[in-house]
Amino acid sequence: MAKKKKPFTKMQCKECKEINYFTNRSKGLDEEKKKLELKKFCNTCRKHTPHKEAKK
């Protein structure tokens, strides 16, 4: 039987509120129920900004 794929999570820029990235979460973060936050490049802002997990 095939494994189920994890759904993607959306990454939203904190400054301009644009959704720029899609990623999977690791198992450890799923159990903690914390929102993932990474520093990524935003094409709209044209700089590196913090990106937080958006609502589904």
N, C-alpha and C. Protein backbone atom coordinates (compact mmCIF):
# COMPACT_ATOMS: atom_id res chain seq x y z
N MET A 1 0.84 -1.17 0.00
CA MET A 1 0.00 0.00 0.00
C MET A 1 0.89 1.25 0.00
N ALA A 2 0.50 2.26 -0.73
CA ALA A 2 1.29 3.49 -0.86
C ALA A 2 1.18 4.35 0.40
N LYS A 3 2.25 5.09 0.67
CA LYS A 3 2.24 6.00 1.82
C LYS A 3 1.48 7.27 1.46
N LYS A 4 0.86 7.87 2.46
CA LYS A 4 0.17 9.14 2.24
C LYS A 4 1.19 10.26 2.23
N LYS A 5 1.03 11.20 1.31
CA LYS A 5 1.91 12.36 1.26
C LYS A 5 1.44 13.40 2.24
N LYS A 6 2.39 14.11 2.84
CA LYS A 6 2.03 15.21 3.75
C LYS A 6 1.56 16.38 2.91
N PRO A 7 0.58 17.10 3.39
CA PRO A 7 0.16 18.30 2.66
C PRO A 7 1.22 19.39 2.77
N PHE A 8 1.28 20.23 1.76
CA PHE A 8 2.21 21.35 1.76
C PHE A 8 1.75 22.42 2.74
N THR A 9 2.69 23.15 3.30
CA THR A 9 2.36 24.31 4.12
C THR A 9 2.80 25.55 3.37
N LYS A 10 2.03 26.60 3.47
CA LYS A 10 2.33 27.85 2.78
C LYS A 10 3.20 28.73 3.67
N MET A 11 4.18 29.39 3.07
CA MET A 11 5.04 30.33 3.79
C MET A 11 4.70 31.74 3.33
N GLN A 12 4.32 32.60 4.30
CA GLN A 12 3.86 33.95 4.00
C GLN A 12 4.85 34.97 4.56
N CYS A 13 5.18 35.97 3.75
CA CYS A 13 6.09 37.03 4.17
C CYS A 13 5.40 37.86 5.25
N LYS A 14 6.15 38.17 6.32
CA LYS A 14 5.58 38.95 7.42
C LYS A 14 5.40 40.42 7.06
N GLU A 15 6.20 40.94 6.12
CA GLU A 15 6.15 42.35 5.79
C GLU A 15 5.07 42.68 4.76
N CYS A 16 5.05 41.95 3.64
CA CYS A 16 4.10 42.28 2.57
C CYS A 16 2.91 41.32 2.50
N LYS A 17 2.92 40.26 3.30
CA LYS A 17 1.83 39.28 3.41
C LYS A 17 1.61 38.45 2.13
N GLU A 18 2.64 38.37 1.27
CA GLU A 18 2.56 37.54 0.06
C GLU A 18 2.95 36.10 0.40
N ILE A 19 2.28 35.13 -0.24
CA ILE A 19 2.64 33.73 -0.09
C ILE A 19 3.65 33.41 -1.19
N ASN A 20 4.89 33.09 -0.78
CA ASN A 20 5.99 32.91 -1.72
C ASN A 20 6.50 31.48 -1.83
N TYR A 21 6.39 30.71 -0.77
CA TYR A 21 6.98 29.38 -0.74
C TYR A 21 5.98 28.34 -0.25
N PHE A 22 6.21 27.08 -0.66
CA PHE A 22 5.45 25.93 -0.20
C PHE A 22 6.45 24.89 0.27
N THR A 23 6.22 24.29 1.43
CA THR A 23 7.16 23.33 1.98
C THR A 23 6.43 22.29 2.82
N ASN A 24 7.14 21.23 3.17
CA ASN A 24 6.62 20.20 4.08
C ASN A 24 7.19 20.42 5.45
N ARG A 25 6.46 20.00 6.47
CA ARG A 25 6.95 20.11 7.85
C ARG A 25 7.53 18.78 8.27
N SER A 26 8.50 18.82 9.18
CA SER A 26 9.07 17.58 9.72
C SER A 26 8.15 17.03 10.80
N LYS A 27 8.32 15.77 11.14
CA LYS A 27 7.46 15.13 12.14
C LYS A 27 7.57 15.80 13.50
N GLY A 28 8.76 16.23 13.88
CA GLY A 28 8.97 16.85 15.18
C GLY A 28 8.16 18.12 15.34
N LEU A 29 8.05 18.92 14.29
CA LEU A 29 7.29 20.17 14.36
C LEU A 29 5.78 19.91 14.35
N ASP A 30 5.35 18.82 13.70
CA ASP A 30 3.92 18.50 13.67
C ASP A 30 3.39 18.21 15.06
N GLU A 31 4.19 17.55 15.89
CA GLU A 31 3.75 17.19 17.24
C GLU A 31 3.72 18.40 18.16
N GLU A 32 4.59 19.38 17.94
CA GLU A 32 4.66 20.54 18.82
C GLU A 32 3.56 21.56 18.54
N LYS A 33 2.98 21.53 17.36
CA LYS A 33 1.91 22.46 16.95
C LYS A 33 2.37 23.92 16.92
N LYS A 34 3.68 24.14 16.71
CA LYS A 34 4.19 25.49 16.57
C LYS A 34 4.23 25.87 15.09
N LYS A 35 4.11 27.16 14.81
CA LYS A 35 4.19 27.61 13.44
C LYS A 35 5.65 27.72 13.01
N LEU A 36 5.92 27.23 11.83
CA LEU A 36 7.26 27.26 11.28
C LEU A 36 7.60 28.67 10.83
N GLU A 37 8.80 29.15 11.14
CA GLU A 37 9.23 30.47 10.72
C GLU A 37 10.66 30.40 10.20
N LEU A 38 10.86 30.85 8.96
CA LEU A 38 12.16 30.82 8.32
C LEU A 38 12.45 32.17 7.68
N LYS A 39 13.73 32.48 7.52
CA LYS A 39 14.11 33.71 6.85
C LYS A 39 14.38 33.35 5.38
N LYS A 40 13.54 33.86 4.48
CA LYS A 40 13.62 33.53 3.05
C LYS A 40 13.62 34.80 2.23
N PHE A 41 13.96 34.68 0.94
CA PHE A 41 13.95 35.83 0.04
C PHE A 41 12.54 36.07 -0.48
N CYS A 42 12.08 37.31 -0.40
CA CYS A 42 10.76 37.68 -0.90
C CYS A 42 10.94 38.47 -2.19
N ASN A 43 10.32 38.01 -3.27
CA ASN A 43 10.43 38.69 -4.57
C ASN A 43 9.72 40.03 -4.57
N THR A 44 8.67 40.17 -3.81
CA THR A 44 7.92 41.42 -3.76
C THR A 44 8.71 42.50 -3.01
N CYS A 45 9.26 42.14 -1.86
CA CYS A 45 10.04 43.09 -1.04
C CYS A 45 11.46 43.26 -1.59
N ARG A 46 11.94 42.27 -2.34
CA ARG A 46 13.29 42.25 -2.90
C ARG A 46 14.37 42.21 -1.82
N LYS A 47 14.10 41.49 -0.70
CA LYS A 47 15.09 41.32 0.37
C LYS A 47 14.73 40.08 1.18
N HIS A 48 15.65 39.66 2.05
CA HIS A 48 15.41 38.53 2.93
C HIS A 48 14.55 38.98 4.11
N THR A 49 13.42 38.32 4.29
CA THR A 49 12.49 38.66 5.36
C THR A 49 12.03 37.39 6.06
N PRO A 50 11.53 37.49 7.29
CA PRO A 50 10.99 36.31 7.96
C PRO A 50 9.68 35.87 7.29
N HIS A 51 9.56 34.58 7.07
CA HIS A 51 8.34 34.00 6.50
C HIS A 51 7.75 33.05 7.54
N LYS A 52 6.46 33.18 7.80
CA LYS A 52 5.78 32.36 8.78
C LYS A 52 4.75 31.48 8.08
N GLU A 53 4.47 30.34 8.69
CA GLU A 53 3.50 29.41 8.13
C GLU A 53 2.12 30.07 8.11
N ALA A 54 1.45 30.04 6.95
CA ALA A 54 0.14 30.66 6.79
C ALA A 54 -0.97 29.65 7.06
N LYS A 55 -2.19 30.16 7.19
CA LYS A 55 -3.34 29.30 7.38
C LYS A 55 -3.59 28.49 6.13
N LYS A 56 -4.23 27.35 6.29
CA LYS A 56 -4.46 26.47 5.15
C LYS A 56 -5.67 26.84 4.36
